[in-house]
Structure formats: C-alpha cells, structure tokens
Protein backbone atom coordinates (compact mmCIF):
# COMPACT_ATOMS: atom_id res chain seq x y z
CA UNK A 1 0.00 0.00 0.00
CA UNK A 2 2.75 2.45 0.91
CA UNK A 3 6.51 2.87 0.94
CA UNK A 4 7.10 -0.61 -0.44
CA UNK A 5 4.13 -0.24 -2.81
CA UNK A 6 3.06 2.24 -5.45
CA UNK A 7 1.39 4.97 -3.50
CA UNK A 8 0.91 8.38 -5.10
CA UNK A 9 3.29 10.95 -3.65
CA UNK A 10 2.41 14.62 -3.31
CA UNK A 11 5.52 15.75 -1.46
CA UNK A 12 6.57 14.52 1.98
CA UNK A 13 5.55 16.31 5.11
CA UNK A 14 9.10 17.60 5.27
CA UNK A 15 8.41 19.90 2.32
CA UNK A 16 6.58 22.16 4.75
CA UNK A 17 9.65 23.71 6.26
CA UNK A 18 12.98 22.84 7.81
CA UNK A 19 11.25 22.58 11.18
CA UNK A 20 9.81 19.21 10.21
CA UNK A 21 12.35 18.15 7.56
CA UNK A 22 12.15 15.14 5.21
CA UNK A 23 11.73 11.64 6.53
CA UNK A 24 15.33 10.53 6.97
CA UNK A 25 14.88 6.83 6.34
CA UNK A 26 17.30 5.60 3.70
CA UNK A 27 17.46 2.28 5.50
CA UNK A 28 13.67 1.93 5.28
CA UNK A 29 14.07 1.45 1.52
CA UNK A 30 15.87 -1.80 2.31
CA UNK A 31 13.04 -2.99 4.54
CA UNK A 32 9.67 -4.25 3.40
CA UNK A 33 6.57 -5.50 5.14
CA UNK A 34 7.48 -8.99 3.95
CA UNK A 35 10.97 -9.06 5.50
CA UNK A 36 10.77 -6.69 8.47
CA UNK A 37 9.79 -9.36 10.99
CA UNK A 38 12.76 -11.47 9.91
CA UNK A 39 15.02 -8.43 10.23
CA UNK A 40 13.54 -7.67 13.64
CA UNK A 41 14.24 -11.22 14.80
CA UNK A 42 17.85 -10.98 13.60
CA UNK A 43 18.28 -7.59 15.28
CA UNK A 44 17.15 -9.02 18.62
CA UNK A 45 19.85 -11.70 18.48
CA UNK A 46 22.72 -9.36 17.54
CA UNK A 47 25.28 -7.59 19.68
CA UNK A 48 24.15 -4.83 22.01
CA UNK A 49 25.10 -1.88 19.79
CA UNK A 50 23.98 -3.39 16.49
CA UNK A 51 20.90 -4.90 18.09
CA UNK A 52 19.56 -1.60 19.35
CA UNK A 53 20.36 0.25 16.11
CA UNK A 54 18.93 -2.38 13.76
CA UNK A 55 15.87 -2.99 15.90
CA UNK A 56 15.19 0.75 15.96
CA UNK A 57 15.37 0.89 12.16
CA UNK A 58 12.78 -1.85 11.82
CA UNK A 59 10.50 -0.25 14.41
CA UNK A 60 10.86 3.05 12.54
CA UNK A 61 9.81 1.41 9.28
CA UNK A 62 6.80 -0.25 10.89
CA UNK A 63 5.66 2.96 12.56
CA UNK A 64 5.97 4.95 9.34
CA UNK A 65 4.06 2.31 7.39
CA UNK A 66 1.64 1.25 10.08
CA UNK A 67 -1.35 0.38 7.90
CA UNK A 68 0.76 -1.81 5.67
CA UNK A 69 2.06 -3.62 8.74
CA UNK A 70 -1.50 -4.14 10.00
CA UNK A 71 -2.55 -5.75 6.72
CA UNK A 72 0.42 -8.00 6.13
CA UNK A 73 -0.41 -11.64 7.01
CA UNK A 74 1.99 -13.15 9.47
CA UNK A 75 3.47 -9.82 10.58
CA UNK A 76 1.25 -7.85 12.96
CA UNK A 77 -0.11 -11.00 14.55
CA UNK A 78 3.41 -12.14 15.42
CA UNK A 79 4.34 -8.95 17.23
CA UNK A 80 4.04 -8.85 21.00
CA UNK A 81 1.51 -6.56 22.64
CA UNK A 82 4.37 -4.35 23.77
CA UNK A 83 5.78 -4.11 20.25
CA UNK A 84 2.37 -3.19 18.84
CA UNK A 85 2.01 -0.42 21.40
CA UNK A 86 5.56 0.75 20.76
CA UNK A 87 5.30 1.17 16.98
CA UNK A 88 1.96 2.97 17.27
CA UNK A 89 3.34 5.26 20.00
CA UNK A 90 6.32 6.07 17.76
CA UNK A 91 3.94 6.95 14.96
CA UNK A 92 2.05 9.38 17.17
CA UNK A 93 5.19 11.19 18.39
CA UNK A 94 6.25 14.58 17.09
CA UNK A 95 4.52 17.88 16.55
CA UNK A 96 0.73 17.74 16.66
CA UNK A 97 -0.59 20.37 14.30
CA UNK A 98 -3.93 21.67 13.15
CA UNK A 99 -4.55 20.92 9.47
CA UNK A 100 -7.40 21.70 7.07
CA UNK A 101 -8.44 20.30 3.71
CA UNK A 102 -10.22 22.18 0.96
CA UNK A 103 -13.47 20.56 -0.09
CA UNK A 104 -17.02 21.40 -1.09
CA UNK A 105 -20.30 20.34 0.43
CA UNK A 106 -23.47 19.28 -1.34
CA UNK A 107 -25.50 20.53 1.57
CA UNK A 108 -25.07 24.18 2.54
CA UNK A 109 -24.47 24.20 6.27
CA UNK A 110 -26.57 27.32 6.55
CA UNK A 111 -29.63 25.23 5.74
CA UNK A 112 -30.24 25.59 1.99
CA UNK A 113 -30.22 22.45 -0.11
CA UNK A 114 -29.57 21.66 -3.75
CA UNK A 115 -32.28 19.70 -5.51
CA UNK A 116 -29.66 17.11 -6.49
CA UNK A 117 -25.91 16.62 -6.02
CA UNK A 118 -23.90 18.80 -8.39
CA UNK A 119 -20.26 19.33 -9.17
CA UNK A 120 -18.54 22.40 -7.73
CA UNK A 121 -18.66 25.66 -9.69
CA UNK A 122 -15.68 26.48 -11.93
CA UNK A 123 -14.00 28.70 -9.35
CA UNK A 124 -14.00 25.80 -6.89
CA UNK A 125 -12.77 23.15 -9.30
CA UNK A 126 -9.19 21.94 -9.60
CA UNK A 127 -6.90 20.07 -7.26
CA UNK A 128 -7.63 20.62 -3.59
CA UNK A 129 -4.95 21.31 -1.01
CA UNK A 130 -4.28 20.33 2.57
CA UNK A 131 -2.76 23.02 4.80
CA UNK A 132 -1.19 22.80 8.24
CA UNK A 133 -0.74 25.54 10.80
CA UNK A 134 2.94 26.03 11.64
CA UNK A 135 3.15 25.81 15.45
CA UNK A 136 5.73 28.60 15.89
CA UNK A 137 4.99 31.05 13.09
CA UNK A 138 1.21 30.59 13.32
CA UNK A 139 1.06 30.55 9.55
CA UNK A 140 -0.65 28.10 7.21
CA UNK A 141 1.55 26.09 4.86
CA UNK A 142 0.67 23.58 2.15
CA UNK A 143 1.17 20.01 3.31
CA UNK A 144 -0.12 18.09 0.28
CA UNK A 145 -2.81 18.08 -2.40
CA UNK A 146 -5.71 15.69 -2.69
CA UNK A 147 -5.25 13.19 -5.54
CA UNK A 148 -7.30 13.79 -8.66
CA UNK A 149 -9.39 10.71 -7.92
CA UNK A 150 -10.76 12.21 -4.70
CA UNK A 151 -14.14 13.92 -5.30
CA UNK A 152 -14.03 17.57 -4.30
CA UNK A 153 -17.65 17.65 -3.19
CA UNK A 154 -19.48 15.82 -0.44
CA UNK A 155 -16.68 13.55 0.78
CA UNK A 156 -16.13 12.51 4.40
CA UNK A 157 -12.78 13.10 6.13
CA UNK A 158 -11.16 12.12 9.40
CA UNK A 159 -7.85 11.00 10.87
CA UNK A 160 -6.99 7.69 12.50
CA UNK A 161 -3.57 6.24 13.43
CA UNK A 162 -2.12 9.52 12.13
CA UNK A 163 -3.47 8.94 8.61
CA UNK A 164 -5.91 11.25 6.84
CA UNK A 165 -8.80 9.27 5.31
CA UNK A 166 -11.07 10.66 2.60
CA UNK A 167 -14.16 8.66 1.58
CA UNK A 168 -17.08 8.98 -0.82
CA UNK A 169 -18.32 12.22 -2.37
CA UNK A 170 -19.69 13.20 -5.75
CA UNK A 171 -17.84 13.02 -9.05
CA UNK A 172 -18.92 13.27 -12.68
CA UNK A 173 -20.63 9.88 -12.41
CA UNK A 174 -22.55 10.58 -9.20
CA UNK A 175 -21.94 9.36 -5.66
CA UNK A 176 -18.55 7.69 -5.16
CA UNK A 177 -17.44 4.71 -3.08
CA UNK A 178 -13.72 5.42 -3.36
CA UNK A 179 -11.54 5.82 -0.27
CA UNK A 180 -8.01 7.23 -0.03
CA UNK A 181 -5.59 7.85 2.81
CA UNK A 182 -2.61 10.18 3.26
CA UNK A 183 0.44 9.26 5.34
CA UNK A 184 2.11 12.45 6.62
CA UNK A 185 5.28 10.56 7.60
CA UNK A 186 5.95 9.39 4.02
CA UNK A 187 4.06 12.04 2.02
CA UNK A 188 2.15 9.36 0.11
CA UNK A 189 -1.51 8.97 -0.85
CA UNK A 190 -2.81 5.43 -1.27
CA UNK A 191 -6.15 3.85 -2.19
CA UNK A 192 -8.11 2.01 0.48
CA UNK A 193 -10.79 -0.63 0.04
CA UNK A 194 -13.86 1.16 -1.41
CA UNK A 195 -17.04 1.61 0.59
CA UNK A 196 -19.68 -1.11 0.28
CA UNK A 197 -21.99 1.44 -1.32
CA UNK A 198 -21.42 4.90 -2.82
CA UNK A 199 -22.02 7.73 -0.36
CA UNK A 200 -22.28 11.48 -0.74
CA UNK A 201 -22.34 13.91 2.19
CA UNK A 202 -21.46 11.17 4.66
CA UNK A 203 -19.71 11.59 7.98
CA UNK A 204 -16.49 9.63 8.53
CA UNK A 205 -15.62 9.01 12.20
CA UNK A 206 -12.81 7.00 13.89
CA UNK A 207 -13.62 4.89 16.91
CA UNK A 208 -11.72 2.08 18.63
CA UNK A 209 -9.39 1.48 15.70
CA UNK A 210 -12.18 1.39 13.10
CA UNK A 211 -13.68 3.91 10.69
CA UNK A 212 -17.43 4.47 10.55
CA UNK A 213 -19.08 5.80 7.38
CA UNK A 214 -22.36 7.25 8.63
CA UNK A 215 -25.33 7.87 6.36
CA UNK A 216 -25.08 10.10 3.35
CA UNK A 217 -27.49 11.63 0.88
CA UNK A 218 -30.77 9.71 1.37
CA UNK A 219 -28.94 6.86 3.15
CA UNK A 220 -29.66 5.49 6.62
CA UNK A 221 -27.04 2.76 6.37
CA UNK A 222 -23.77 2.72 8.34
CA UNK A 223 -20.65 0.68 7.61
CA UNK A 224 -17.45 0.03 9.55
CA UNK A 225 -13.91 -0.34 8.21
CA UNK A 226 -11.47 -2.76 9.82
CA UNK A 227 -7.96 -1.63 8.77
CA UNK A 228 -6.38 -4.95 9.71
CA UNK A 229 -8.72 -6.95 7.47
CA UNK A 230 -9.02 -4.09 4.93
CA UNK A 231 -12.77 -4.66 4.86
CA UNK A 232 -15.97 -2.62 5.17
CA UNK A 233 -18.86 -4.34 6.95
CA UNK A 234 -22.43 -3.13 7.61
CA UNK A 235 -23.52 -2.30 11.14
CA UNK A 236 -26.92 -1.30 12.48
CA UNK A 237 -28.46 1.44 10.29
CA UNK A 238 -29.63 4.76 11.65
CA UNK A 239 -33.14 4.47 13.13
CA UNK A 240 -35.98 4.86 10.66
CA UNK A 241 -37.45 8.32 10.59
CA UNK A 242 -34.35 9.96 12.03
CA UNK A 243 -32.85 11.87 9.09
CA UNK A 244 -31.49 11.22 5.63
CA UNK A 245 -28.17 12.99 6.11
CA UNK A 246 -25.98 12.76 9.21
CA UNK A 247 -24.83 16.36 9.45
CA UNK A 248 -22.67 15.90 12.53
CA UNK A 249 -21.02 12.85 14.05
CA UNK A 250 -18.31 12.25 16.63
CA UNK A 251 -17.05 9.50 18.93
CA UNK A 252 -16.71 9.78 22.69
CA UNK A 253 -15.80 7.12 25.23
CA UNK A 254 -16.06 4.28 22.74
CA UNK A 255 -19.52 5.34 21.55
CA UNK A 256 -20.62 7.03 18.34
CA UNK A 257 -22.89 10.09 18.47
CA UNK A 258 -24.85 11.47 15.52
CA UNK A 259 -27.00 14.59 15.30
CA UNK A 260 -28.51 16.80 12.63
CA UNK A 261 -30.95 16.41 9.77
CA UNK A 262 -34.39 17.94 9.81
CA UNK A 263 -34.85 17.20 13.53
CA UNK A 264 -32.05 19.45 14.70
CA UNK A 265 -32.28 18.71 18.43
CA UNK A 266 -32.05 14.90 18.23
CA UNK A 267 -28.94 13.03 19.35
CA UNK A 268 -28.40 9.34 18.60
CA UNK A 269 -25.89 7.06 20.32
CA UNK A 270 -24.42 3.88 18.81
CA UNK A 271 -23.19 1.09 21.07
CA UNK A 272 -20.75 -1.07 19.10
CA UNK A 273 -20.88 -3.91 21.63
CA UNK A 274 -24.61 -4.39 21.12
CA UNK A 275 -24.69 -3.01 17.57
CA UNK A 276 -27.63 -0.82 18.51
CA UNK A 277 -28.68 2.82 18.24
CA UNK A 278 -30.61 4.57 20.96
CA UNK A 279 -32.10 8.02 21.43
CA UNK A 280 -30.34 10.38 23.83
CA UNK A 281 -32.09 13.19 25.70
CA UNK A 282 -33.18 16.00 23.38
CA UNK A 283 -31.19 19.20 23.13
CA UNK A 284 -33.14 22.40 23.75
CA UNK A 285 -31.77 24.06 20.61
CA UNK A 286 -33.94 24.00 17.50
CA UNK A 287 -31.19 25.28 15.23
CA UNK A 288 -28.99 23.45 12.80
CA UNK A 289 -25.63 22.99 14.47
CA UNK A 290 -22.42 24.07 12.78
CA UNK A 291 -20.46 21.09 14.10
CA UNK A 292 -20.15 18.65 16.97
CA UNK A 293 -16.93 17.33 18.56
CA UNK A 294 -15.89 15.40 21.67
CA UNK A 295 -13.46 16.34 24.43
CA UNK A 296 -12.93 13.86 27.25
CA UNK A 297 -16.43 12.75 28.35
CA UNK A 298 -18.26 15.73 26.83
CA UNK A 299 -19.79 16.22 23.39
CA UNK A 300 -19.70 19.89 22.34
CA UNK A 301 -22.28 21.23 19.92
CA UNK A 302 -21.82 24.63 18.26
CA UNK A 303 -24.89 26.45 16.90
CA UNK A 304 -24.37 29.62 14.86
CA UNK A 305 -26.95 32.42 15.17
CA UNK A 306 -26.38 34.70 12.19
CA UNK A 307 -29.14 37.15 13.09
CA UNK A 308 -27.69 37.68 16.58
CA UNK A 309 -24.04 37.46 15.50
CA UNK A 310 -23.36 34.79 18.09
CA UNK A 311 -22.45 31.16 18.71
CA UNK A 312 -24.34 29.00 21.19
CA UNK A 313 -22.30 26.21 22.79
CA UNK A 314 -24.04 23.19 24.29
CA UNK A 315 -22.41 20.27 26.14
CA UNK A 316 -23.70 16.75 26.45
CA UNK A 317 -22.22 14.75 29.35
CA UNK A 318 -21.94 11.17 28.10
CA UNK A 319 -21.50 9.79 31.63
CA UNK A 320 -24.57 11.24 33.35
CA UNK A 321 -26.41 11.66 30.02
CA UNK A 322 -27.59 15.24 30.40
CA UNK A 323 -27.15 18.47 28.40
CA UNK A 324 -25.45 21.52 29.92
CA UNK A 325 -24.88 25.06 28.79
CA UNK A 326 -26.39 26.92 25.93
CA UNK A 327 -23.90 29.71 26.60
CA UNK A 328 -23.95 32.43 23.93
CA UNK A 329 -20.72 34.00 22.69
CA UNK A 330 -20.63 37.03 20.36
CA UNK A 331 -19.12 36.50 16.93
CA UNK A 332 -18.44 39.34 14.50
CA UNK A 333 -18.66 37.21 11.37
CA UNK A 334 -21.16 34.45 12.23
CA UNK A 335 -20.51 31.97 9.42
CA UNK A 336 -20.81 28.20 9.86
CA UNK A 337 -17.57 26.41 10.67
CA UNK A 338 -16.14 22.95 11.24
CA UNK A 339 -14.25 21.91 14.37
CA UNK A 340 -11.22 19.89 15.49
CA UNK A 341 -9.84 19.21 18.98
CA UNK A 342 -6.15 19.76 19.76
CA UNK A 343 -5.21 19.49 23.41
CA UNK A 344 -7.63 21.54 25.49
CA UNK A 345 -8.68 23.73 22.57
CA UNK A 346 -11.41 23.28 20.01
CA UNK A 347 -10.49 25.02 16.75
CA UNK A 348 -13.46 26.34 14.77
CA UNK A 349 -12.43 26.91 11.16
CA UNK A 350 -13.97 28.47 8.08
CA UNK A 351 -12.66 30.51 5.15
CA UNK A 352 -12.91 33.78 7.10
CA UNK A 353 -11.14 32.96 10.35
CA UNK A 354 -10.06 30.32 12.85
CA UNK A 355 -11.52 30.61 16.35
CA UNK A 356 -10.07 28.96 19.44
CA UNK A 357 -12.47 27.67 22.07
CA UNK A 358 -10.55 26.84 25.25
CA UNK A 359 -11.86 24.07 27.47
CA UNK A 360 -11.23 24.77 31.16
CA UNK A 361 -12.24 23.26 34.44
CA UNK A 362 -14.89 24.93 36.53
CA UNK A 363 -17.00 26.29 33.69
CA UNK A 364 -14.62 29.10 32.71
CA UNK A 365 -14.29 27.89 29.15
CA UNK A 366 -14.85 30.14 26.17
CA UNK A 367 -13.48 31.60 22.97
CA UNK A 368 -10.03 33.17 23.14
CA UNK A 369 -9.68 36.77 21.88
CA UNK A 370 -7.00 35.81 19.33
CA UNK A 371 -8.53 35.02 15.93
CA UNK A 372 -6.20 33.20 13.55
CA UNK A 373 -6.36 33.96 9.82
CA UNK A 374 -7.51 31.25 7.42
CA UNK A 375 -5.20 29.75 4.78
CA UNK A 376 -4.53 32.30 2.03
CA UNK A 377 -6.78 31.91 -1.01
CA UNK A 378 -8.51 28.88 0.46
CA UNK A 379 -11.34 27.53 -1.67
CA UNK A 380 -14.60 25.84 -0.79
CA UNK A 381 -15.36 24.51 2.67
CA UNK A 382 -12.50 23.76 5.07
CA UNK A 383 -12.46 20.50 7.03
CA UNK A 384 -10.09 20.65 10.06
CA UNK A 385 -8.30 17.74 11.72
CA UNK A 386 -5.09 17.02 13.67
CA UNK A 387 -1.95 15.28 12.37
CA UNK A 388 1.41 14.42 13.94
CA UNK A 389 4.24 15.45 11.64
CA UNK A 390 7.82 14.21 11.37
CA UNK A 391 9.30 13.54 14.80
CA UNK A 392 12.95 13.49 13.67
CA UNK A 393 13.48 17.23 13.21
C-alpha cells in the first residue's frame, strides 16, 4: 500500500519547512513488510550496539508504514503486545498540528439544499490542497494536495492512526465509493478498500481502531472499516425516521454520536458492543448545528446564530447523560464552521477565520480573543483535523 508499494506521492511532510524536515529513512528502503519481521528477529539476536540500532530501524519502518504492517499476514499477529504499542506510539510522536483540507459540500451548512448533487462551480474546481498551521509562526503552509481521484464535493474526512482518510463524495458519475488515505510521515496517498456502497455527504468518524461511514445523501445505512482486514462491513443502520443525512457525528468514550438532519435537536448514540442505536435526551436548541466534537467525556455542539451574530455552545455529558450550557458568545462574522480538537482547545475553522475555544475546568471555558487567519486563497469549505508530523526534526 505504501513505501514498499506504489502509493501516489504529493511531497513529503518535510516539504513544509525545515522545522519538520524530510523523513530521513534511507534504511527503510531496504526494509519491506514482507521481511521486516525477519530483520527484527535478527536484530534481537545481535550484539548490544547493532541490536539496538537495527531494531530501531525496523521499528521506525513499521511505525511509518503502520497500515501496511496491519494488513500483512503473518506480521502484525506475530508482534508482542508491547511491540504493537511501541510502533503505534512512535507513529504518534512529534509535533501535533492543526490541518485543514479544501473541499465542497453538497448541503449548505446554513440550511439551503440543492435539488440534487452537483459538481462544484468552476472557481472551486481543480486540485484541492491540505494546509497545516505552523506551530511557531502561526502561519498556514501547504502540506499536500488531494489526488485527482478524490471527489471535491461531499466527501467525508477524518484521521486515525495519524493517517488522513477521505471517503465517498460526488464526481462526474454521481456518488462515489472510493476511499483514499494520506500518510504524513511518508508524504504518500494510497487507495483504500472502497465503501460497500457509494455515499455522498457522509460523515467519517474514527472509533476504537475502526472507521465508521455514517449515512449520506438519502442513506440510513452505516458501515465500519477494519484496517487490519481491509474490509468494510455493515452495522446497524440509523433508526428509521431519524434523518437522511448525518450532518454531525463524533465518537466519545467508545460510543458514536450522531445529530442533525431535519430534527435538529435529536442526538443518537451507537453502542458497538450491542450493535444498537438509541435516542439520547433532546437538546433544547432547534437550530442546525455548525459542528459537533468530543473532548474527554463531553460532546460539544456549536450552533451559529447569524441574526444575533453569536455562537451558542451546548455540552452533552456522556456519563450522566444530560445536556449543559447553551452559553452564547458574540461572533463578528457568524458563518458556519467545522471543528477539530487539539489538546484543550477546540479550533473552529472556516474561510474567514479560525476561532479557538478553550476548554477549562470549573465552567470558565470560552473563545479566546486571538482570531487566527484562514489559509490564504482557500477555496470551498474547510475541514479541520489534527496530524502528527515528522518527529525526527
């Protein structure tokens, strides 16, 4: 799939700046998923100096090419539990940065709706970019570009195991089932097993080492991706009569939460152990939310009030199963945004600005006064997420 395979490269993460640097792994070119366990075994039996160096090289290869290691028969299953934890921990080391991808949405998040899925207008066509926010300079820099095969409109995006996954969307032939992933440690894009059915305007959510493709245009079905088996499998569909498009979805505490559609205040919870959906307590808001994310045991819902130039923030406690808040915060340019969690901050991003909502103990949370600029000349809707970039520089 990657490194040892024929993935499409759009420049390594090191092209960003000297702060991150290129992936210095000449030795990784001599290692493959087929021989790395043999090399690891040899390294363990060598002398102290050589053993540590050679073992570290193999661990580095496996961490950089984690999905390929997962899928290789006779490799991941032979690793000890400690080795599995170690290579994943290595992969998640380094600078965690906020990143955004340019895309377009079939459904206007302000509430208007096209009569049918359409391709983006000419000014929004062309290859889409992925930007990251430089942690020191606080400036956006291009990380990569989406491959031409990735639909620019209506796709779902999320990160898992420090890979960016992009699924579904609308292309010239209609709804797409294609799935791609980007590896920031190698700079490569690679195809992933396609969805079981084409989906447009889906939500893609990671949970417990799996991806969940939730709903889509006129779809109530949900499917789950197992990266080790490289397989999508159906799970319990959204309850009948809920909504045809899952506008917001997030995972919290090993459970999947979905909200949105025409019944704005509804919140559904999916229990993967029982493969069942259940209704959560209603939210008092009757507005379409801008986005919904999870932090610790709380699900945060952000509702934009354009007429009052404000944002209402609601919190659902997944432990005691009650809603809190409804606090209103003024916002000069009240446009819908999408959110991502980095540390104790929730970044709310659109083409006009990037807001920072700080989560604090004791109810003193709120938006910080500093408003970050958006990526220069960004097109379409911006989908934020968090990636860990090269740890060697």
